[in-house]
């Protein structure tokens, strides 16, 4: 009896929903042709305005994040170069202990104290020796 009552209720909704009794269970089907514009909106999913708002939010987040990433990258490069200059300065001190004098150029350290890839920083700055001190620039 409940199924018939529910079926009658659905018919009162201007035929928006069709129903069918299958094995004593009421099955509902949506009739898209008779839906009002308000009901159709709920069936289609996201609207164009909603998608544009989502894209706007994502764009703003990207605009805020990318400059911070590039600043962090520059900071990492500078810190790495400072560390490499300190390491070269340590090798200059080792050269002084072994030879009694400071090296005249960075190339004097290459065969025994430094590798070829250690005479310049990753950001492209060359390391030079000025007055017995390592300097990037």
Protein backbone atom coordinates (compact mmCIF):
# COMPACT_ATOMS: atom_id res chain seq x y z
CA UNK A 1 0.00 0.00 0.00
CA UNK A 2 2.93 2.35 0.71
CA UNK A 3 4.15 1.98 -2.85
CA UNK A 4 0.83 3.13 -4.31
CA UNK A 5 0.73 6.16 -1.98
CA UNK A 6 4.25 7.17 -2.99
CA UNK A 7 3.35 6.69 -6.63
CA UNK A 8 0.35 9.00 -6.26
CA UNK A 9 2.49 11.60 -4.55
CA UNK A 10 4.93 11.56 -7.43
CA UNK A 11 2.16 12.07 -9.94
CA UNK A 12 1.20 15.24 -8.06
CA UNK A 13 4.63 16.74 -8.79
CA UNK A 14 3.61 17.67 -12.37
CA UNK A 15 5.08 14.49 -13.83
CA UNK A 16 8.63 15.54 -13.00
CA UNK A 17 9.43 12.06 -11.77
CA UNK A 18 8.14 8.85 -13.24
CA UNK A 19 7.95 5.74 -11.13
CA UNK A 20 7.55 2.07 -11.72
CA UNK A 21 6.88 -0.82 -9.38
CA UNK A 22 9.33 -3.67 -9.93
CA UNK A 23 9.20 -6.68 -7.60
CA UNK A 24 7.22 -4.70 -4.98
CA UNK A 25 9.88 -1.96 -4.96
CA UNK A 26 9.19 1.49 -6.27
CA UNK A 27 11.78 2.63 -8.80
CA UNK A 28 12.04 6.33 -9.71
CA UNK A 29 13.19 7.76 -12.99
CA UNK A 30 13.72 11.42 -13.71
CA UNK A 31 11.94 12.74 -16.77
CA UNK A 32 14.32 15.48 -17.96
CA UNK A 33 11.88 16.88 -20.55
CA UNK A 34 9.32 17.94 -17.95
CA UNK A 35 11.74 19.43 -15.41
CA UNK A 36 11.65 23.13 -14.65
CA UNK A 37 14.74 25.26 -15.20
CA UNK A 38 15.52 25.15 -11.45
CA UNK A 39 15.50 21.37 -11.46
CA UNK A 40 17.62 21.14 -14.62
CA UNK A 41 20.29 23.23 -12.95
CA UNK A 42 20.81 20.55 -10.32
CA UNK A 43 21.21 17.82 -12.92
CA UNK A 44 23.91 19.46 -15.05
CA UNK A 45 26.63 19.80 -12.41
CA UNK A 46 28.89 22.87 -12.32
CA UNK A 47 27.95 26.03 -14.16
CA UNK A 48 30.34 28.11 -16.19
CA UNK A 49 30.44 30.76 -13.47
CA UNK A 50 31.39 28.20 -10.83
CA UNK A 51 34.19 26.87 -13.03
CA UNK A 52 35.46 30.41 -13.69
CA UNK A 53 35.49 31.13 -9.96
CA UNK A 54 37.51 27.98 -9.31
CA UNK A 55 39.99 28.95 -12.05
CA UNK A 56 40.22 32.46 -10.60
CA UNK A 57 41.06 31.12 -7.14
CA UNK A 58 43.67 28.74 -8.56
CA UNK A 59 45.21 31.57 -10.62
CA UNK A 60 45.48 33.85 -7.59
CA UNK A 61 47.17 31.09 -5.60
CA UNK A 62 49.66 30.46 -8.41
CA UNK A 63 50.39 34.18 -8.73
CA UNK A 64 51.15 34.33 -5.01
CA UNK A 65 53.26 31.17 -4.89
CA UNK A 66 55.55 31.52 -7.95
CA UNK A 67 57.41 34.68 -6.83
CA UNK A 68 58.08 33.10 -3.44
CA UNK A 69 59.54 30.01 -5.09
CA UNK A 70 61.89 32.08 -7.26
CA UNK A 71 63.01 34.13 -4.23
CA UNK A 72 63.70 30.92 -2.34
CA UNK A 73 65.72 29.59 -5.28
CA UNK A 74 67.88 32.73 -5.33
CA UNK A 75 68.38 32.49 -1.58
CA UNK A 76 69.45 28.85 -1.87
CA UNK A 77 71.93 29.75 -4.64
CA UNK A 78 73.45 32.56 -2.55
CA UNK A 79 73.74 30.36 0.54
CA UNK A 80 75.34 27.60 -1.51
CA UNK A 81 77.87 30.01 -2.98
CA UNK A 82 78.79 31.36 0.47
CA UNK A 83 79.34 27.80 1.68
CA UNK A 84 81.52 27.02 -1.32
CA UNK A 85 83.62 30.16 -0.72
CA UNK A 86 84.17 29.03 2.89
CA UNK A 87 85.23 25.59 1.67
CA UNK A 88 87.70 27.16 -0.79
CA UNK A 89 89.01 29.37 2.03
CA UNK A 90 89.66 26.20 4.03
CA UNK A 91 91.62 24.77 1.11
CA UNK A 92 93.62 28.01 0.87
CA UNK A 93 94.57 27.59 4.53
CA UNK A 94 95.59 23.97 3.86
CA UNK A 95 97.71 25.17 0.90
CA UNK A 96 99.38 27.77 3.17
CA UNK A 97 100.24 25.08 5.73
CA UNK A 98 101.72 22.82 3.07
CA UNK A 99 103.61 25.46 1.04
CA UNK A 100 104.22 28.28 3.51
CA UNK A 101 102.55 30.88 1.29
CA UNK A 102 99.11 31.63 -0.12
CA UNK A 103 98.31 30.47 -3.66
CA UNK A 104 98.59 33.15 -6.34
CA UNK A 105 95.37 32.09 -8.10
CA UNK A 106 92.52 29.64 -7.72
CA UNK A 107 94.08 27.47 -10.43
CA UNK A 108 97.02 26.69 -8.12
CA UNK A 109 94.57 24.78 -5.89
CA UNK A 110 92.95 22.71 -8.65
CA UNK A 111 95.15 19.68 -8.99
CA UNK A 112 95.59 18.82 -5.31
CA UNK A 113 93.06 20.80 -3.25
CA UNK A 114 90.02 21.46 -5.46
CA UNK A 115 88.22 19.86 -8.39
CA UNK A 116 87.52 21.80 -11.59
CA UNK A 117 83.84 22.15 -10.70
CA UNK A 118 84.66 23.70 -7.29
CA UNK A 119 86.20 26.92 -8.62
CA UNK A 120 82.83 28.50 -9.46
CA UNK A 121 79.44 28.62 -7.77
CA UNK A 122 76.30 26.99 -9.14
CA UNK A 123 74.84 30.45 -9.84
CA UNK A 124 77.71 31.19 -12.25
CA UNK A 125 79.91 33.35 -10.01
CA UNK A 126 83.62 32.57 -10.23
CA UNK A 127 85.63 32.21 -7.05
CA UNK A 128 88.90 34.13 -7.03
CA UNK A 129 91.69 34.61 -4.52
CA UNK A 130 92.33 38.20 -3.40
CA UNK A 131 94.97 38.92 -0.72
CA UNK A 132 94.92 35.27 0.36
CA UNK A 133 91.11 35.20 0.76
CA UNK A 134 88.51 33.43 -1.36
CA UNK A 135 85.99 35.82 -2.93
CA UNK A 136 82.97 35.08 -5.12
CA UNK A 137 82.21 37.54 -7.84
